[in-house]
N, C-alpha and C. Protein backbone atom coordinates (compact mmCIF):
# COMPACT_ATOMS: atom_id res chain seq x y z
N UNK A 1 -26.92 -40.10 -78.47
CA UNK A 1 -25.93 -39.06 -78.65
C UNK A 1 -25.58 -38.50 -77.27
N UNK A 2 -24.30 -38.28 -77.02
CA UNK A 2 -23.85 -37.76 -75.74
C UNK A 2 -24.28 -36.31 -75.58
N UNK A 3 -24.42 -35.90 -74.32
CA UNK A 3 -24.90 -34.54 -74.03
C UNK A 3 -24.03 -33.49 -74.70
N UNK A 4 -22.71 -33.62 -74.63
CA UNK A 4 -21.83 -32.62 -75.24
C UNK A 4 -22.04 -32.53 -76.74
N UNK A 5 -22.28 -33.67 -77.40
CA UNK A 5 -22.53 -33.65 -78.84
C UNK A 5 -23.84 -32.95 -79.15
N UNK A 6 -24.86 -33.20 -78.33
CA UNK A 6 -26.16 -32.55 -78.52
C UNK A 6 -26.02 -31.05 -78.34
N UNK A 7 -25.32 -30.64 -77.26
CA UNK A 7 -25.14 -29.21 -77.00
C UNK A 7 -24.35 -28.55 -78.12
N UNK A 8 -23.29 -29.20 -78.59
CA UNK A 8 -22.48 -28.64 -79.67
C UNK A 8 -23.31 -28.51 -80.93
N UNK A 9 -24.08 -29.52 -81.26
CA UNK A 9 -24.93 -29.48 -82.44
C UNK A 9 -25.97 -28.37 -82.33
N UNK A 10 -26.62 -28.27 -81.18
CA UNK A 10 -27.62 -27.24 -80.94
C UNK A 10 -27.02 -25.85 -81.06
N UNK A 11 -25.87 -25.64 -80.41
CA UNK A 11 -25.23 -24.33 -80.44
C UNK A 11 -24.72 -23.99 -81.83
N UNK A 12 -24.16 -24.96 -82.54
CA UNK A 12 -23.69 -24.71 -83.91
C UNK A 12 -24.85 -24.30 -84.81
N UNK A 13 -25.95 -24.99 -84.68
CA UNK A 13 -27.13 -24.66 -85.47
C UNK A 13 -27.64 -23.27 -85.12
N UNK A 14 -27.72 -22.98 -83.85
CA UNK A 14 -28.21 -21.68 -83.39
C UNK A 14 -27.32 -20.55 -83.89
N UNK A 15 -26.00 -20.71 -83.75
CA UNK A 15 -25.07 -19.67 -84.20
C UNK A 15 -25.05 -19.56 -85.72
N UNK A 16 -25.28 -20.67 -86.41
CA UNK A 16 -25.36 -20.62 -87.86
C UNK A 16 -26.54 -19.80 -88.33
N UNK A 17 -27.66 -19.93 -87.63
CA UNK A 17 -28.87 -19.19 -87.98
C UNK A 17 -28.83 -17.75 -87.50
N UNK A 18 -28.10 -17.51 -86.41
CA UNK A 18 -28.05 -16.18 -85.78
C UNK A 18 -26.61 -15.84 -85.39
N UNK A 19 -25.76 -15.51 -86.35
CA UNK A 19 -24.34 -15.29 -86.05
C UNK A 19 -24.06 -14.18 -85.04
N UNK A 20 -24.97 -13.21 -84.92
CA UNK A 20 -24.77 -12.12 -83.95
C UNK A 20 -24.78 -12.62 -82.51
N UNK A 21 -25.27 -13.84 -82.27
CA UNK A 21 -25.32 -14.36 -80.92
C UNK A 21 -23.94 -14.74 -80.38
N UNK A 22 -22.97 -14.90 -81.26
CA UNK A 22 -21.61 -15.22 -80.81
C UNK A 22 -21.05 -14.14 -79.90
N UNK A 23 -21.23 -12.89 -80.29
CA UNK A 23 -20.76 -11.77 -79.48
C UNK A 23 -21.50 -11.72 -78.14
N UNK A 24 -22.80 -11.98 -78.18
CA UNK A 24 -23.58 -11.98 -76.93
C UNK A 24 -23.10 -13.11 -76.02
N UNK A 25 -22.81 -14.28 -76.58
CA UNK A 25 -22.33 -15.40 -75.78
C UNK A 25 -20.99 -15.08 -75.13
N UNK A 26 -20.11 -14.42 -75.86
CA UNK A 26 -18.81 -14.03 -75.31
C UNK A 26 -19.00 -13.04 -74.16
N UNK A 27 -19.95 -12.13 -74.32
CA UNK A 27 -20.22 -11.14 -73.26
C UNK A 27 -20.78 -11.83 -72.02
N UNK A 28 -21.66 -12.81 -72.20
CA UNK A 28 -22.21 -13.54 -71.06
C UNK A 28 -21.12 -14.29 -70.31
N UNK A 29 -20.22 -14.90 -71.05
CA UNK A 29 -19.11 -15.62 -70.44
C UNK A 29 -18.23 -14.67 -69.65
N UNK A 30 -17.89 -13.53 -70.22
CA UNK A 30 -17.05 -12.55 -69.53
C UNK A 30 -17.73 -12.05 -68.25
N UNK A 31 -19.03 -11.82 -68.31
CA UNK A 31 -19.75 -11.33 -67.14
C UNK A 31 -19.89 -12.39 -66.04
N UNK A 32 -19.75 -13.64 -66.39
CA UNK A 32 -19.94 -14.72 -65.40
C UNK A 32 -18.91 -14.66 -64.27
N UNK A 33 -17.78 -14.04 -64.51
CA UNK A 33 -16.76 -13.95 -63.46
C UNK A 33 -16.89 -12.69 -62.62
N UNK A 34 -17.79 -11.81 -63.00
CA UNK A 34 -17.90 -10.51 -62.34
C UNK A 34 -18.98 -10.45 -61.27
N UNK A 35 -19.65 -11.56 -61.01
CA UNK A 35 -20.78 -11.54 -60.07
C UNK A 35 -20.57 -12.56 -58.95
N UNK A 36 -21.01 -12.18 -57.76
CA UNK A 36 -20.83 -13.02 -56.60
C UNK A 36 -21.92 -14.08 -56.45
N UNK A 37 -23.08 -13.83 -57.04
CA UNK A 37 -24.18 -14.79 -56.86
C UNK A 37 -24.90 -15.01 -58.19
N UNK A 38 -25.55 -16.16 -58.32
CA UNK A 38 -26.34 -16.41 -59.53
C UNK A 38 -27.44 -15.35 -59.74
N UNK A 39 -28.05 -14.89 -58.66
CA UNK A 39 -29.11 -13.87 -58.78
C UNK A 39 -28.57 -12.58 -59.39
N UNK A 40 -27.40 -12.15 -58.94
CA UNK A 40 -26.78 -10.94 -59.49
C UNK A 40 -26.45 -11.13 -60.96
N UNK A 41 -25.90 -12.29 -61.28
CA UNK A 41 -25.54 -12.59 -62.67
C UNK A 41 -26.78 -12.56 -63.57
N UNK A 42 -27.82 -13.26 -63.15
CA UNK A 42 -29.04 -13.32 -63.96
C UNK A 42 -29.67 -11.93 -64.12
N UNK A 43 -29.65 -11.13 -63.07
CA UNK A 43 -30.21 -9.78 -63.17
C UNK A 43 -29.45 -8.94 -64.20
N UNK A 44 -28.18 -9.20 -64.36
CA UNK A 44 -27.37 -8.47 -65.33
C UNK A 44 -27.55 -9.02 -66.73
N UNK A 45 -27.55 -10.35 -66.87
CA UNK A 45 -27.49 -10.92 -68.22
C UNK A 45 -28.85 -11.14 -68.88
N UNK A 46 -29.91 -11.32 -68.12
CA UNK A 46 -31.20 -11.57 -68.77
C UNK A 46 -31.61 -10.43 -69.71
N UNK A 47 -31.41 -9.16 -69.35
CA UNK A 47 -31.73 -8.10 -70.32
C UNK A 47 -30.88 -8.20 -71.60
N UNK A 48 -29.62 -8.61 -71.46
CA UNK A 48 -28.75 -8.76 -72.63
C UNK A 48 -29.23 -9.91 -73.51
N UNK A 49 -29.61 -11.01 -72.89
CA UNK A 49 -30.10 -12.17 -73.64
C UNK A 49 -31.41 -11.82 -74.34
N UNK A 50 -32.29 -11.14 -73.63
CA UNK A 50 -33.58 -10.75 -74.21
C UNK A 50 -33.37 -9.86 -75.44
N UNK A 51 -32.46 -8.93 -75.34
CA UNK A 51 -32.18 -8.04 -76.47
C UNK A 51 -31.53 -8.81 -77.63
N UNK A 52 -30.59 -9.69 -77.32
CA UNK A 52 -29.89 -10.45 -78.37
C UNK A 52 -30.84 -11.36 -79.12
N UNK A 53 -31.78 -11.95 -78.41
CA UNK A 53 -32.72 -12.88 -79.04
C UNK A 53 -33.96 -12.18 -79.58
N UNK A 54 -34.15 -10.92 -79.21
CA UNK A 54 -35.33 -10.15 -79.64
C UNK A 54 -36.62 -10.89 -79.31
N UNK A 55 -36.75 -11.26 -78.03
CA UNK A 55 -37.94 -11.98 -77.57
C UNK A 55 -38.67 -11.13 -76.53
N UNK A 56 -39.90 -11.54 -76.22
CA UNK A 56 -40.73 -10.81 -75.25
C UNK A 56 -40.49 -11.25 -73.81
N UNK A 57 -40.05 -12.49 -73.64
CA UNK A 57 -39.98 -13.03 -72.28
C UNK A 57 -38.88 -14.08 -72.20
N UNK A 58 -38.14 -14.04 -71.11
CA UNK A 58 -37.14 -15.06 -70.79
C UNK A 58 -37.30 -15.41 -69.33
N UNK A 59 -37.23 -16.70 -69.05
CA UNK A 59 -37.31 -17.15 -67.66
C UNK A 59 -36.26 -18.23 -67.42
N UNK A 60 -35.73 -18.23 -66.23
CA UNK A 60 -34.90 -19.33 -65.75
C UNK A 60 -35.75 -20.01 -64.68
N UNK A 61 -36.06 -21.28 -64.94
CA UNK A 61 -36.98 -22.00 -64.05
C UNK A 61 -36.29 -23.21 -63.44
N UNK A 62 -36.87 -23.66 -62.35
CA UNK A 62 -36.35 -24.82 -61.62
C UNK A 62 -37.52 -25.73 -61.26
N UNK A 63 -37.24 -27.02 -61.31
CA UNK A 63 -38.25 -27.99 -60.91
C UNK A 63 -37.80 -28.66 -59.61
N UNK A 64 -38.67 -28.66 -58.64
CA UNK A 64 -38.40 -29.32 -57.38
C UNK A 64 -39.64 -30.10 -56.98
N UNK A 65 -39.49 -31.40 -56.88
CA UNK A 65 -40.60 -32.29 -56.51
C UNK A 65 -41.81 -32.10 -57.41
N UNK A 66 -41.55 -31.92 -58.71
CA UNK A 66 -42.63 -31.81 -59.69
C UNK A 66 -43.26 -30.43 -59.82
N UNK A 67 -42.78 -29.46 -59.06
CA UNK A 67 -43.31 -28.10 -59.13
C UNK A 67 -42.28 -27.18 -59.76
N UNK A 68 -42.71 -26.42 -60.77
CA UNK A 68 -41.83 -25.48 -61.45
C UNK A 68 -41.93 -24.11 -60.79
N UNK A 69 -40.78 -23.49 -60.59
CA UNK A 69 -40.76 -22.12 -60.07
C UNK A 69 -39.79 -21.30 -60.91
N UNK A 70 -40.10 -20.03 -61.05
CA UNK A 70 -39.26 -19.12 -61.82
C UNK A 70 -38.22 -18.52 -60.87
N UNK A 71 -36.95 -18.70 -61.22
CA UNK A 71 -35.86 -18.15 -60.42
C UNK A 71 -35.54 -16.72 -60.83
N UNK A 72 -35.66 -16.45 -62.11
CA UNK A 72 -35.40 -15.11 -62.64
C UNK A 72 -36.17 -14.99 -63.95
N UNK A 73 -36.58 -13.76 -64.26
CA UNK A 73 -37.33 -13.54 -65.50
C UNK A 73 -37.21 -12.09 -65.91
N UNK A 74 -37.49 -11.86 -67.18
CA UNK A 74 -37.56 -10.50 -67.70
C UNK A 74 -38.59 -10.50 -68.82
N UNK A 75 -39.37 -9.43 -68.87
CA UNK A 75 -40.42 -9.32 -69.87
C UNK A 75 -41.79 -9.59 -69.27
N UNK A 76 -42.77 -9.64 -70.12
CA UNK A 76 -44.15 -9.88 -69.68
C UNK A 76 -44.32 -11.35 -69.32
N UNK A 77 -44.63 -11.59 -68.07
CA UNK A 77 -44.75 -12.97 -67.58
C UNK A 77 -45.75 -13.76 -68.41
N UNK A 78 -45.36 -14.98 -68.71
CA UNK A 78 -46.19 -15.89 -69.48
C UNK A 78 -46.19 -17.24 -68.79
N UNK A 79 -47.24 -18.01 -68.97
CA UNK A 79 -47.26 -19.34 -68.37
C UNK A 79 -46.14 -20.21 -68.96
N UNK A 80 -45.42 -20.88 -68.10
CA UNK A 80 -44.33 -21.74 -68.57
C UNK A 80 -44.89 -22.97 -69.29
N UNK A 81 -44.21 -23.41 -70.34
CA UNK A 81 -44.62 -24.63 -71.04
C UNK A 81 -44.08 -25.84 -70.28
N UNK A 82 -44.76 -26.21 -69.22
CA UNK A 82 -44.21 -27.21 -68.30
C UNK A 82 -43.97 -28.57 -68.96
N UNK A 83 -44.78 -28.92 -69.93
CA UNK A 83 -44.56 -30.20 -70.63
C UNK A 83 -43.22 -30.17 -71.37
N UNK A 84 -42.96 -29.07 -72.07
CA UNK A 84 -41.68 -28.91 -72.77
C UNK A 84 -40.53 -28.93 -71.77
N UNK A 85 -40.67 -28.20 -70.68
CA UNK A 85 -39.60 -28.16 -69.68
C UNK A 85 -39.32 -29.55 -69.11
N UNK A 86 -40.37 -30.29 -68.83
CA UNK A 86 -40.19 -31.64 -68.29
C UNK A 86 -39.50 -32.55 -69.30
N UNK A 87 -39.87 -32.45 -70.57
CA UNK A 87 -39.24 -33.26 -71.61
C UNK A 87 -37.76 -32.92 -71.74
N UNK A 88 -37.43 -31.64 -71.72
CA UNK A 88 -36.04 -31.22 -71.81
C UNK A 88 -35.25 -31.71 -70.61
N UNK A 89 -35.83 -31.62 -69.45
CA UNK A 89 -35.17 -32.08 -68.23
C UNK A 89 -34.97 -33.59 -68.27
N UNK A 90 -35.99 -34.33 -68.68
CA UNK A 90 -35.89 -35.79 -68.75
C UNK A 90 -34.86 -36.25 -69.79
N UNK A 91 -34.88 -35.61 -70.96
CA UNK A 91 -34.00 -36.02 -72.06
C UNK A 91 -32.62 -35.39 -72.00
N UNK A 92 -32.48 -34.35 -71.17
CA UNK A 92 -31.21 -33.64 -71.02
C UNK A 92 -30.72 -33.11 -72.37
N UNK A 93 -31.66 -32.59 -73.18
CA UNK A 93 -31.32 -32.00 -74.47
C UNK A 93 -32.23 -30.82 -74.75
N UNK A 94 -31.68 -29.80 -75.38
CA UNK A 94 -32.50 -28.63 -75.71
C UNK A 94 -33.51 -28.96 -76.80
N UNK A 95 -34.61 -28.25 -76.77
CA UNK A 95 -35.62 -28.39 -77.83
C UNK A 95 -36.55 -27.20 -77.79
N UNK A 96 -37.35 -27.10 -78.83
CA UNK A 96 -38.31 -26.02 -78.93
C UNK A 96 -39.69 -26.56 -79.21
N UNK A 97 -40.66 -25.74 -78.91
CA UNK A 97 -42.06 -26.05 -79.19
C UNK A 97 -42.79 -24.73 -79.36
N UNK A 98 -43.45 -24.59 -80.50
CA UNK A 98 -44.12 -23.33 -80.85
C UNK A 98 -43.13 -22.18 -80.70
N UNK A 99 -43.42 -21.20 -79.88
CA UNK A 99 -42.50 -20.05 -79.77
C UNK A 99 -41.49 -20.19 -78.63
N UNK A 100 -41.47 -21.34 -77.97
CA UNK A 100 -40.61 -21.56 -76.82
C UNK A 100 -39.35 -22.34 -77.21
N UNK A 101 -38.25 -22.03 -76.52
CA UNK A 101 -37.01 -22.80 -76.59
C UNK A 101 -36.62 -23.10 -75.15
N UNK A 102 -36.12 -24.30 -74.92
CA UNK A 102 -35.74 -24.68 -73.56
C UNK A 102 -34.47 -25.50 -73.59
N UNK A 103 -33.65 -25.34 -72.55
CA UNK A 103 -32.41 -26.09 -72.42
C UNK A 103 -32.07 -26.21 -70.94
N UNK A 104 -31.37 -27.27 -70.62
CA UNK A 104 -30.90 -27.47 -69.24
C UNK A 104 -29.65 -26.62 -69.05
N UNK A 105 -29.58 -25.91 -67.95
CA UNK A 105 -28.38 -25.11 -67.65
C UNK A 105 -27.45 -25.87 -66.74
């Protein structure tokens, strides 16, 4: 399945289960043009995403040479599920495991 089809399927399923996320997604898109840097954008939107999803922790992570680092986070820091992150990165498709959800940005 092509990446766009996977993303569309994932997003359709997510919005079907949680219709209130549509408004949050529109707000994130609108805010994306109002910031000069990714750091500024993430500092603004991570609290909104955390509230919309009603979760304890959100992180944006990056892998470089096999090492994961957190670029931005909000909430009580938790160990990253590196196996899940690696699988998502390798397969280029979102997935979940236990209480975690991961997707390539």
